[in-house]
Amino acid sequence: HLHRASLLLPALETALANFSAGAAGGVVQPVRTVLPVPRHGGYLGVMPAYSAADDALTTKLVTFYEHLKDSSVPSHQATVLLFDPSNGTLKAVLDGSVITAKRTAAVSAIATKLLMPAFAEVLCILGAGVQAYSHYDIFTELFTFKEVRIWNRTKEKAVKFASSVSGPVRVCSSAQEAVTGADVIVTVTMATTPILFGDWVKPGAHINAVGASRPDWRELDDELMKNSVLFVDSRDAALTESGDVILSGAEIFAELGEVLKGTKPALPEKTTVFKSLGMAVEDTVAAKFVYDAWSAGN
């Protein structure tokens, strides 16, 4: 039911705008609770949300483990629980990994639609995991790029990515090679120190920074963070969870929802960064979309 994540875009745009509207928007969502699992180097995140506009109540349970020795297990695994908001009954248990991959890429696509330069020809993806695939799928569906490039820390994964997606992808031997001259850059890595540097980035490019979801992890260096216009999904989350934002001291210009509401400008002529941490209400909207489609089919 999420084969074409682009179908989610209108509902996600509404949810983002409602979130940024505060109490009037009817989204109730705390910053996620993250429980460390110190013995094994992992984390358990708990992400509840209620959306009045959708009358939908969910919580997502997500685990993320960095640098697993057994790479057959994904770094992120998730389950979404969908409740009946009128009486609290559990209605469905959904695979949260697909929902997370699709809704994250869809939100990056919304940011890109608003913030990318007018003549964007080159897409660059840093990372070759689950999020690289979901971003590639929706970006090539919605936008027309003349060239797509990929770089990954282990080149074999990048080569595998290039051979398994539907269109031509150039595998680059360094992140700098991949990034140089790119108009839209997506960082979807498990990096804990910067892998993208400001002096590589073309002026006016747009960056979707999706990895580095801990306060001490980085994907982007200080120069890029401080010399770009910074957009986030949630101010509170960015100032609590994003090492790129916290450690660089970069100033947040706007939430994506404020741009969608028209209360803040998009500034596509500038170099822009969208720091995506992912929000529980995005899972709520996606889970309800899947459940409603499944119910209609039954």
C-alpha atoms as a PDB file:
ATOM      1  CA  HIS A   1       0.000   0.000   0.000  1.00  0.00           C
ATOM      2  CA  LEU A   2       3.068   2.279   0.191  1.00  0.00           C
ATOM      3  CA  HIS A   3       4.499   1.179  -3.158  1.00  0.00           C
ATOM      4  CA  ARG A   4       4.247   4.781  -4.387  1.00  0.00           C
ATOM      5  CA  ALA A   5       5.267   6.929  -1.432  1.00  0.00           C
ATOM      6  CA  SER A   6       4.389  10.049  -3.436  1.00  0.00           C
ATOM      7  CA  LEU A   7       0.707   9.339  -2.655  1.00  0.00           C
ATOM      8  CA  LEU A   8       1.591  10.244   0.943  1.00  0.00           C
ATOM      9  CA  LEU A   9       2.813  13.744   0.074  1.00  0.00           C
ATOM     10  CA  PRO A  10      -0.416  15.749   0.559  1.00  0.00           C
ATOM     11  CA  ALA A  11      -1.171  14.092   3.929  1.00  0.00           C
ATOM     12  CA  LEU A  12       2.409  14.598   5.126  1.00  0.00           C
ATOM     13  CA  GLU A  13       2.429  18.251   4.005  1.00  0.00           C
ATOM     14  CA  THR A  14      -0.759  18.841   5.998  1.00  0.00           C
ATOM     15  CA  ALA A  15       0.677  17.050   9.051  1.00  0.00           C
ATOM     16  CA  LEU A  16       3.907  19.085   8.937  1.00  0.00           C
ATOM     17  CA  ALA A  17       1.956  22.356   8.664  1.00  0.00           C
ATOM     18  CA  ASN A  18      -0.376  21.294  11.491  1.00  0.00           C
ATOM     19  CA  PHE A  19       2.594  20.389  13.704  1.00  0.00           C
ATOM     20  CA  SER A  20       4.178  23.812  13.130  1.00  0.00           C
ATOM     21  CA  ALA A  21       0.851  25.522  13.894  1.00  0.00           C
ATOM     22  CA  GLY A  22       1.205  24.551  17.563  1.00  0.00           C
ATOM     23  CA  ALA A  23      -1.888  23.736  19.625  1.00  0.00           C
ATOM     24  CA  ALA A  24      -4.192  25.030  16.864  1.00  0.00           C
ATOM     25  CA  GLY A  25      -2.850  22.345  14.505  1.00  0.00           C
ATOM     26  CA  GLY A  26      -4.085  19.499  16.698  1.00  0.00           C
ATOM     27  CA  VAL A  27      -0.864  17.475  16.658  1.00  0.00           C
ATOM     28  CA  VAL A  28       0.151  16.116  20.060  1.00  0.00           C
ATOM     29  CA  GLN A  29       3.693  14.750  19.913  1.00  0.00           C
ATOM     30  CA  PRO A  30       6.502  14.789  22.480  1.00  0.00           C
ATOM     31  CA  VAL A  31      10.160  14.608  21.471  1.00  0.00           C
ATOM     32  CA  ARG A  32      10.955  10.903  21.158  1.00  0.00           C
ATOM     33  CA  THR A  33      12.200   9.046  24.234  1.00  0.00           C
ATOM     34  CA  VAL A  34      15.482   7.245  23.509  1.00  0.00           C
ATOM     35  CA  LEU A  35      16.661   4.443  25.772  1.00  0.00           C
ATOM     36  CA  PRO A  36      20.313   3.380  25.369  1.00  0.00           C
ATOM     37  CA  VAL A  37      21.233  -0.317  25.379  1.00  0.00           C
ATOM     38  CA  PRO A  38      24.836   0.203  26.550  1.00  0.00           C
ATOM     39  CA  ARG A  39      25.921  -3.421  26.588  1.00  0.00           C
ATOM     40  CA  HIS A  40      25.185  -3.785  22.874  1.00  0.00           C
ATOM     41  CA  GLY A  41      25.654  -0.233  21.542  1.00  0.00           C
ATOM     42  CA  GLY A  42      22.038   0.199  20.514  1.00  0.00           C
ATOM     43  CA  TYR A  43      19.037   2.411  21.228  1.00  0.00           C
ATOM     44  CA  LEU A  44      15.285   1.945  21.614  1.00  0.00           C
ATOM     45  CA  GLY A  45      13.163   4.929  20.587  1.00  0.00           C
ATOM     46  CA  VAL A  46       9.510   5.427  21.568  1.00  0.00           C
ATOM     47  CA  MET A  47       7.502   7.823  19.375  1.00  0.00           C
ATOM     48  CA  PRO A  48       3.811   8.417  20.222  1.00  0.00           C
ATOM     49  CA  ALA A  49       1.578  10.909  18.394  1.00  0.00           C
ATOM     50  CA  TYR A  50      -2.045  11.934  17.939  1.00  0.00           C
ATOM     51  CA  SER A  51      -3.295  13.881  14.910  1.00  0.00           C
ATOM     52  CA  ALA A  52      -6.707  15.529  15.365  1.00  0.00           C
ATOM     53  CA  ALA A  53      -7.023  16.216  11.616  1.00  0.00           C
ATOM     54  CA  ASP A  54      -6.686  12.482  10.899  1.00  0.00           C
ATOM     55  CA  ASP A  55      -8.206  11.368  14.224  1.00  0.00           C
ATOM     56  CA  ALA A  56      -5.337   8.900  14.390  1.00  0.00           C
ATOM     57  CA  LEU A  57      -3.333   7.664  17.387  1.00  0.00           C
ATOM     58  CA  THR A  58      -0.096   5.682  17.062  1.00  0.00           C
ATOM     59  CA  THR A  59       3.170   4.915  18.711  1.00  0.00           C
ATOM     60  CA  LYS A  60       6.297   3.708  16.949  1.00  0.00           C
ATOM     61  CA  LEU A  61       8.927   1.551  18.592  1.00  0.00           C
ATOM     62  CA  VAL A  62      12.246   1.800  16.754  1.00  0.00           C
ATOM     63  CA  THR A  63      15.619   0.244  17.479  1.00  0.00           C
ATOM     64  CA  PHE A  64      18.845   1.499  15.942  1.00  0.00           C
ATOM     65  CA  TYR A  65      22.238  -0.111  16.294  1.00  0.00           C
ATOM     66  CA  GLU A  66      25.406   1.416  14.834  1.00  0.00           C
ATOM     67  CA  HIS A  67      28.073  -0.642  13.077  1.00  0.00           C
ATOM     68  CA  LEU A  68      26.586  -4.086  13.586  1.00  0.00           C
ATOM     69  CA  LYS A  69      29.017  -6.913  12.938  1.00  0.00           C
ATOM     70  CA  ASP A  70      26.138  -8.945  11.476  1.00  0.00           C
ATOM     71  CA  SER A  71      25.269  -6.692   8.554  1.00  0.00           C
ATOM     72  CA  SER A  72      22.378  -8.970   7.511  1.00  0.00           C
ATOM     73  CA  VAL A  73      20.397  -7.226  10.277  1.00  0.00           C
ATOM     74  CA  PRO A  74      19.315  -3.667   9.347  1.00  0.00           C
ATOM     75  CA  SER A  75      20.645  -0.818  11.512  1.00  0.00           C
ATOM     76  CA  HIS A  76      17.066   0.411  12.075  1.00  0.00           C
ATOM     77  CA  GLN A  77      14.050  -1.812  12.834  1.00  0.00           C
ATOM     78  CA  ALA A  78      10.603  -0.524  13.713  1.00  0.00           C
ATOM     79  CA  THR A  79       7.003  -1.430  14.533  1.00  0.00           C
ATOM     80  CA  VAL A  80       4.018   0.954  14.508  1.00  0.00           C
ATOM     81  CA  LEU A  81       0.982   0.362  16.750  1.00  0.00           C
ATOM     82  CA  LEU A  82      -2.261   1.964  15.530  1.00  0.00           C
ATOM     83  CA  PHE A  83      -4.973   2.574  18.154  1.00  0.00           C
ATOM     84  CA  ASP A  84      -8.641   3.513  17.994  1.00  0.00           C
ATOM     85  CA  PRO A  85      -8.468   7.042  19.468  1.00  0.00           C
ATOM     86  CA  SER A  86     -12.088   6.876  20.706  1.00  0.00           C
ATOM     87  CA  ASN A  87     -11.515   4.000  23.149  1.00  0.00           C
ATOM     88  CA  GLY A  88      -7.809   3.086  23.105  1.00  0.00           C
ATOM     89  CA  THR A  89      -8.229  -0.328  21.445  1.00  0.00           C
ATOM     90  CA  LEU A  90      -5.242  -1.586  19.453  1.00  0.00           C
ATOM     91  CA  LYS A  91      -6.403  -1.821  15.824  1.00  0.00           C
ATOM     92  CA  ALA A  92      -3.234  -2.838  13.986  1.00  0.00           C
ATOM     93  CA  VAL A  93       0.433  -3.694  14.286  1.00  0.00           C
ATOM     94  CA  LEU A  94       2.331  -2.498  11.212  1.00  0.00           C
ATOM     95  CA  ASP A  95       5.840  -3.059   9.904  1.00  0.00           C
ATOM     96  CA  GLY A  96       7.429   0.236  10.862  1.00  0.00           C
ATOM     97  CA  SER A  97      10.570  -0.269   8.796  1.00  0.00           C
ATOM     98  CA  VAL A  98       8.780   0.202   5.459  1.00  0.00           C
ATOM     99  CA  ILE A  99       6.728   3.095   6.870  1.00  0.00           C
ATOM    100  CA  THR A 100       9.877   4.777   8.230  1.00  0.00           C
ATOM    101  CA  ALA A 101      11.768   4.404   4.946  1.00  0.00           C
ATOM    102  CA  LYS A 102       8.901   5.678   2.796  1.00  0.00           C
ATOM    103  CA  ARG A 103       7.718   8.573   4.967  1.00  0.00           C
ATOM    104  CA  THR A 104      11.270   9.817   5.570  1.00  0.00           C
ATOM    105  CA  ALA A 105      12.000   9.897   1.841  1.00  0.00           C
ATOM    106  CA  ALA A 106       8.622  11.537   1.165  1.00  0.00           C
ATOM    107  CA  VAL A 107       9.372  14.331   3.657  1.00  0.00           C
ATOM    108  CA  SER A 108      12.827  14.837   2.087  1.00  0.00           C
ATOM    109  CA  ALA A 109      11.050  15.096  -1.280  1.00  0.00           C
ATOM    110  CA  ILE A 110       8.693  17.767   0.131  1.00  0.00           C
ATOM    111  CA  ALA A 111      11.707  19.735   1.400  1.00  0.00           C
ATOM    112  CA  THR A 112      13.474  19.324  -1.937  1.00  0.00           C
ATOM    113  CA  LYS A 113      10.422  20.493  -3.908  1.00  0.00           C
ATOM    114  CA  LEU A 114      10.424  23.694  -1.820  1.00  0.00           C
ATOM    115  CA  LEU A 115      14.161  24.321  -1.410  1.00  0.00           C
ATOM    116  CA  MET A 116      16.106  22.949  -4.395  1.00  0.00           C
ATOM    117  CA  PRO A 117      17.571  25.298  -7.027  1.00  0.00           C
ATOM    118  CA  ALA A 118      15.430  26.072 -10.086  1.00  0.00           C
ATOM    119  CA  PHE A 119      17.576  24.053 -12.505  1.00  0.00           C
ATOM    120  CA  ALA A 120      18.586  20.956 -10.528  1.00  0.00           C
ATOM    121  CA  GLU A 121      20.289  18.407 -12.763  1.00  0.00           C
ATOM    122  CA  VAL A 122      22.564  16.329 -10.502  1.00  0.00           C
ATOM    123  CA  LEU A 123      21.374  14.245  -7.534  1.00  0.00           C
ATOM    124  CA  CYS A 124      23.965  12.841  -5.132  1.00  0.00           C
ATOM    125  CA  ILE A 125      23.244  10.194  -2.474  1.00  0.00           C
ATOM    126  CA  LEU A 126      25.784   9.514   0.275  1.00  0.00           C
ATOM    127  CA  GLY A 127      25.019   6.106   1.799  1.00  0.00           C
ATOM    128  CA  ALA A 128      23.623   2.931   0.223  1.00  0.00           C
ATOM    129  CA  GLY A 129      21.288   1.479   2.860  1.00  0.00           C
ATOM    130  CA  VAL A 130      17.489   1.270   3.107  1.00  0.00           C
ATOM    131  CA  GLN A 131      17.011   5.058   3.066  1.00  0.00           C
ATOM    132  CA  ALA A 132      19.160   5.417  -0.062  1.00  0.00           C
ATOM    133  CA  TYR A 133      16.744   3.148  -1.952  1.00  0.00           C
ATOM    134  CA  SER A 134      13.581   4.884  -0.702  1.00  0.00           C
ATOM    135  CA  HIS A 135      15.024   8.328  -1.475  1.00  0.00           C
ATOM    136  CA  TYR A 136      16.133   7.231  -4.954  1.00  0.00           C
ATOM    137  CA  ASP A 137      12.671   5.821  -5.730  1.00  0.00           C
ATOM    138  CA  ILE A 138      10.648   8.914  -4.826  1.00  0.00           C
ATOM    139  CA  PHE A 139      13.223  11.453  -6.084  1.00  0.00           C
ATOM    140  CA  THR A 140      13.413   9.855  -9.529  1.00  0.00           C
ATOM    141  CA  GLU A 141       9.602   9.605  -9.626  1.00  0.00           C
ATOM    142  CA  LEU A 142       9.020  13.269  -8.736  1.00  0.00           C
ATOM    143  CA  PHE A 143      12.029  15.059 -10.241  1.00  0.00           C
ATOM    144  CA  THR A 144      14.008  14.893 -13.479  1.00  0.00           C
ATOM    145  CA  PHE A 145      17.740  14.628 -12.857  1.00  0.00           C
ATOM    146  CA  LYS A 146      20.231  14.236 -15.706  1.00  0.00           C
ATOM    147  CA  GLU A 147      22.667  12.396 -13.444  1.00  0.00           C
ATOM    148  CA  VAL A 148      22.439  10.412 -10.205  1.00  0.00           C
ATOM    149  CA  ARG A 149      25.599   9.693  -8.203  1.00  0.00           C
ATOM    150  CA  ILE A 150      26.198   7.491  -5.185  1.00  0.00           C
ATOM    151  CA  TRP A 151      29.012   7.046  -2.686  1.00  0.00           C
ATOM    152  CA  ASN A 152      29.202   4.602   0.209  1.00  0.00           C
ATOM    153  CA  ARG A 153      31.913   3.842   2.765  1.00  0.00           C
ATOM    154  CA  THR A 154      32.080   0.273   1.448  1.00  0.00           C
ATOM    155  CA  LYS A 155      32.129   0.523  -2.342  1.00  0.00           C
ATOM    156  CA  GLU A 156      30.549  -2.947  -2.848  1.00  0.00           C
ATOM    157  CA  LYS A 157      27.263  -1.684  -1.395  1.00  0.00           C
ATOM    158  CA  ALA A 158      27.287   1.321  -3.735  1.00  0.00           C
ATOM    159  CA  VAL A 159      27.937  -0.942  -6.724  1.00  0.00           C
ATOM    160  CA  LYS A 160      25.106  -3.245  -5.614  1.00  0.00           C
ATOM    161  CA  PHE A 161      22.799  -0.217  -5.270  1.00  0.00           C
ATOM    162  CA  ALA A 162      23.664   1.043  -8.762  1.00  0.00           C
ATOM    163  CA  SER A 163      23.009  -2.363 -10.314  1.00  0.00           C
ATOM    164  CA  SER A 164      19.681  -2.934  -8.542  1.00  0.00           C
ATOM    165  CA  VAL A 165      17.814   0.372  -9.107  1.00  0.00           C
ATOM    166  CA  SER A 166      15.830   1.162 -12.238  1.00  0.00           C
ATOM    167  CA  GLY A 167      17.943   3.934 -13.778  1.00  0.00           C
ATOM    168  CA  PRO A 168      21.613   4.750 -14.420  1.00  0.00           C
ATOM    169  CA  VAL A 169      23.649   5.636 -11.311  1.00  0.00           C
ATOM    170  CA  ARG A 170      27.310   6.659 -11.250  1.00  0.00           C
ATOM    171  CA  VAL A 171      29.298   5.052  -8.432  1.00  0.00           C
ATOM    172  CA  CYS A 172      31.866   7.522  -7.058  1.00  0.00           C
ATOM    173  CA  SER A 173      35.089   6.548  -5.329  1.00  0.00           C
ATOM    174  CA  SER A 174      34.963   9.429  -2.820  1.00  0.00           C
ATOM    175  CA  ALA A 175      32.264  11.527  -1.169  1.00  0.00           C
ATOM    176  CA  GLN A 176      33.939  14.652  -2.556  1.00  0.00           C
ATOM    177  CA  GLU A 177      33.730  13.318  -6.127  1.00  0.00           C
ATOM    178  CA  ALA A 178      30.032  12.502  -5.630  1.00  0.00           C
ATOM    179  CA  VAL A 179      29.188  15.893  -4.143  1.00  0.00           C
ATOM    180  CA  THR A 180      31.170  18.238  -6.419  1.00  0.00           C
ATOM    181  CA  GLY A 181      28.732  20.124  -8.651  1.00  0.00           C
ATOM    182  CA  ALA A 182      25.649  18.319  -7.284  1.00  0.00           C
ATOM    183  CA  ASP A 183      22.439  20.358  -7.027  1.00  0.00           C
ATOM    184  CA  VAL A 184      20.640  18.096  -4.536  1.00  0.00           C
ATOM    185  CA  ILE A 185      22.521  16.025  -1.947  1.00  0.00           C
ATOM    186  CA  VAL A 186      21.005  13.346   0.323  1.00  0.00           C
ATOM    187  CA  THR A 187      23.029  12.087   3.313  1.00  0.00           C
ATOM    188  CA  VAL A 188      21.678   8.763   4.598  1.00  0.00           C
ATOM    189  CA  THR A 189      24.664   7.319   6.458  1.00  0.00           C
ATOM    190  CA  MET A 190      25.451   5.878   9.879  1.00  0.00           C
ATOM    191  CA  ALA A 191      28.352   8.356  10.182  1.00  0.00           C
ATOM    192  CA  THR A 192      29.208   9.722  13.615  1.00  0.00           C
ATOM    193  CA  THR A 193      31.725  12.315  12.333  1.00  0.00           C
ATOM    194  CA  PRO A 194      31.299  14.598   9.277  1.00  0.00           C
ATOM    195  CA  ILE A 195      31.400  13.031   5.809  1.00  0.00           C
ATOM    196  CA  LEU A 196      30.114  16.130   3.945  1.00  0.00           C
ATOM    197  CA  PHE A 197      32.140  19.348   3.954  1.00  0.00           C
ATOM    198  CA  GLY A 198      31.019  22.860   3.091  1.00  0.00           C
ATOM    199  CA  ASP A 199      33.912  23.645   0.767  1.00  0.00           C
ATOM    200  CA  TRP A 200      32.820  20.776  -1.526  1.00  0.00           C
ATOM    201  CA  VAL A 201      29.225  21.999  -1.881  1.00  0.00           C
ATOM    202  CA  LYS A 202      28.097  24.042  -4.889  1.00  0.00           C
ATOM    203  CA  PRO A 203      26.575  27.404  -3.809  1.00  0.00           C
ATOM    204  CA  GLY A 204      22.781  27.191  -4.004  1.00  0.00           C
ATOM    205  CA  ALA A 205      22.680  23.402  -3.574  1.00  0.00           C
ATOM    206  CA  HIS A 206      20.070  21.772  -1.349  1.00  0.00           C
ATOM    207  CA  ILE A 207      21.047  19.119   1.217  1.00  0.00           C
ATOM    208  CA  ASN A 208      18.707  16.646   2.910  1.00  0.00           C
ATOM    209  CA  ALA A 209      20.595  15.520   6.040  1.00  0.00           C
ATOM    210  CA  VAL A 210      18.863  12.343   7.223  1.00  0.00           C
ATOM    211  CA  GLY A 211      21.454  10.420   9.264  1.00  0.00           C
ATOM    212  CA  ALA A 212      23.184  11.436  12.529  1.00  0.00           C
ATOM    213  CA  SER A 213      20.116  11.223  14.753  1.00  0.00           C
ATOM    214  CA  ARG A 214      22.001  11.450  18.072  1.00  0.00           C
ATOM    215  CA  PRO A 215      23.236  14.620  19.839  1.00  0.00           C
ATOM    216  CA  ASP A 216      26.879  13.539  19.460  1.00  0.00           C
ATOM    217  CA  TRP A 217      26.733  12.232  15.848  1.00  0.00           C
ATOM    218  CA  ARG A 218      27.565  14.315  12.764  1.00  0.00           C
ATOM    219  CA  GLU A 219      27.260  14.028   8.973  1.00  0.00           C
ATOM    220  CA  LEU A 220      27.853  17.716   8.038  1.00  0.00           C
ATOM    221  CA  ASP A 221      30.760  19.944   9.068  1.00  0.00           C
ATOM    222  CA  ASP A 222      30.501  23.316  10.835  1.00  0.00           C
ATOM    223  CA  GLU A 223      31.215  25.302   7.676  1.00  0.00           C
ATOM    224  CA  LEU A 224      28.265  23.783   5.825  1.00  0.00           C
ATOM    225  CA  MET A 225      25.927  24.070   8.825  1.00  0.00           C
ATOM    226  CA  LYS A 226      26.805  27.716   9.492  1.00  0.00           C
ATOM    227  CA  ASN A 227      26.859  28.929   5.862  1.00  0.00           C
ATOM    228  CA  SER A 228      23.525  27.391   4.831  1.00  0.00           C
ATOM    229  CA  VAL A 229      19.943  28.324   5.584  1.00  0.00           C
ATOM    230  CA  LEU A 230      18.831  25.636   8.039  1.00  0.00           C
ATOM    231  CA  PHE A 231      15.360  24.085   7.930  1.00  0.00           C
ATOM    232  CA  VAL A 232      14.206  21.333  10.327  1.00  0.00           C
ATOM    233  CA  ASP A 233      11.128  19.164  10.838  1.00  0.00           C
ATOM    234  CA  SER A 234      10.925  20.057  14.554  1.00  0.00           C
ATOM    235  CA  ARG A 235      12.895  22.791  16.355  1.00  0.00           C
ATOM    236  CA  ASP A 236      12.582  21.011  19.702  1.00  0.00           C
ATOM    237  CA  ALA A 237      13.802  17.707  18.276  1.00  0.00           C
ATOM    238  CA  ALA A 238      16.704  19.317  16.376  1.00  0.00           C
ATOM    239  CA  LEU A 239      17.935  21.111  19.501  1.00  0.00           C
ATOM    240  CA  THR A 240      17.667  17.879  21.529  1.00  0.00           C
ATOM    241  CA  GLU A 241      18.739  15.160  19.087  1.00  0.00           C
ATOM    242  CA  SER A 242      20.786  16.529  16.167  1.00  0.00           C
ATOM    243  CA  GLY A 243      24.547  16.622  16.634  1.00  0.00           C
ATOM    244  CA  ASP A 244      24.834  18.586  13.375  1.00  0.00           C
ATOM    245  CA  VAL A 245      22.656  21.360  14.832  1.00  0.00           C
ATOM    246  CA  ILE A 246      23.772  21.244  18.487  1.00  0.00           C
ATOM    247  CA  LEU A 247      27.540  20.936  17.982  1.00  0.00           C
ATOM    248  CA  SER A 248      27.774  23.458  15.127  1.00  0.00           C
ATOM    249  CA  GLY A 249      25.673  26.055  16.939  1.00  0.00           C
ATOM    250  CA  ALA A 250      23.920  26.720  13.603  1.00  0.00           C
ATOM    251  CA  GLU A 251      20.792  28.854  13.790  1.00  0.00           C
ATOM    252  CA  ILE A 252      17.501  27.256  12.718  1.00  0.00           C
ATOM    253  CA  PHE A 253      15.730  29.442  10.158  1.00  0.00           C
ATOM    254  CA  ALA A 254      12.398  27.590   9.979  1.00  0.00           C
ATOM    255  CA  GLU A 255      10.487  24.371  10.399  1.00  0.00           C
ATOM    256  CA  LEU A 256       9.375  22.825   7.118  1.00  0.00           C
ATOM    257  CA  GLY A 257       5.772  23.196   8.307  1.00  0.00           C
ATOM    258  CA  GLU A 258       6.219  26.979   8.568  1.00  0.00           C
ATOM    259  CA  VAL A 259       7.247  27.088   4.888  1.00  0.00           C
ATOM    260  CA  LEU A 260       4.248  24.932   3.946  1.00  0.00           C
ATOM    261  CA  LYS A 261       1.952  27.269   5.934  1.00  0.00           C
ATOM    262  CA  GLY A 262       3.486  30.302   4.194  1.00  0.00           C
ATOM    263  CA  THR A 263       4.726  31.943   7.414  1.00  0.00           C
ATOM    264  CA  LYS A 264       8.409  31.535   6.431  1.00  0.00           C
ATOM    265  CA  PRO A 265       9.953  31.793   2.921  1.00  0.00           C
ATOM    266  CA  ALA A 266      11.640  28.821   1.221  1.00  0.00           C
ATOM    267  CA  LEU A 267      14.771  30.648  -0.161  1.00  0.00           C
ATOM    268  CA  PRO A 268      15.639  28.140  -2.945  1.00  0.00           C
ATOM    269  CA  GLU A 269      18.260  30.578  -4.315  1.00  0.00           C
ATOM    270  CA  LYS A 270      20.389  30.035  -1.167  1.00  0.00           C
ATOM    271  CA  THR A 271      22.388  26.989  -0.066  1.00  0.00           C
ATOM    272  CA  THR A 272      19.874  25.135   2.105  1.00  0.00           C
ATOM    273  CA  VAL A 273      20.006  22.241   4.569  1.00  0.00           C
ATOM    274  CA  PHE A 274      16.946  20.287   5.679  1.00  0.00           C
ATOM    275  CA  LYS A 275      17.832  18.404   8.868  1.00  0.00           C
ATOM    276  CA  SER A 276      15.376  15.519   9.033  1.00  0.00           C
ATOM    277  CA  LEU A 277      15.034  13.657  12.313  1.00  0.00           C
ATOM    278  CA  GLY A 278      11.649  12.135  11.515  1.00  0.00           C
ATOM    279  CA  MET A 279       8.527  12.821  13.541  1.00  0.00           C
ATOM    280  CA  ALA A 280       5.970  10.529  15.130  1.00  0.00           C
ATOM    281  CA  VAL A 281       3.099  12.315  13.359  1.00  0.00           C
ATOM    282  CA  GLU A 282       4.650  11.292  10.015  1.00  0.00           C
ATOM    283  CA  ASP A 283       4.354   7.657  11.132  1.00  0.00           C
ATOM    284  CA  THR A 284       0.767   8.308  12.271  1.00  0.00           C
ATOM    285  CA  VAL A 285      -0.260   9.680   8.867  1.00  0.00           C
ATOM    286  CA  ALA A 286       1.508   6.865   6.992  1.00  0.00           C
ATOM    287  CA  ALA A 287       0.115   4.120   9.249  1.00  0.00           C
ATOM    288  CA  LYS A 288      -3.450   5.438   8.851  1.00  0.00           C
ATOM    289  CA  PHE A 289      -2.926   5.630   5.066  1.00  0.00           C
ATOM    290  CA  VAL A 290      -1.830   1.974   4.972  1.00  0.00           C
ATOM    291  CA  TYR A 291      -4.578   0.808   7.350  1.00  0.00           C
ATOM    292  CA  ASP A 292      -7.324   2.661   5.427  1.00  0.00           C
ATOM    293  CA  ALA A 293      -6.089   1.233   2.104  1.00  0.00           C
ATOM    294  CA  TRP A 294      -5.977  -2.279   3.595  1.00  0.00           C
ATOM    295  CA  SER A 295      -9.484  -1.875   5.110  1.00  0.00           C
ATOM    296  CA  ALA A 296     -10.907  -0.673   1.795  1.00  0.00           C
ATOM    297  CA  GLY A 297      -9.370  -3.708   0.078  1.00  0.00           C
ATOM    298  CA  ASN A 298     -11.053  -6.010   2.609  1.00  0.00           C
END
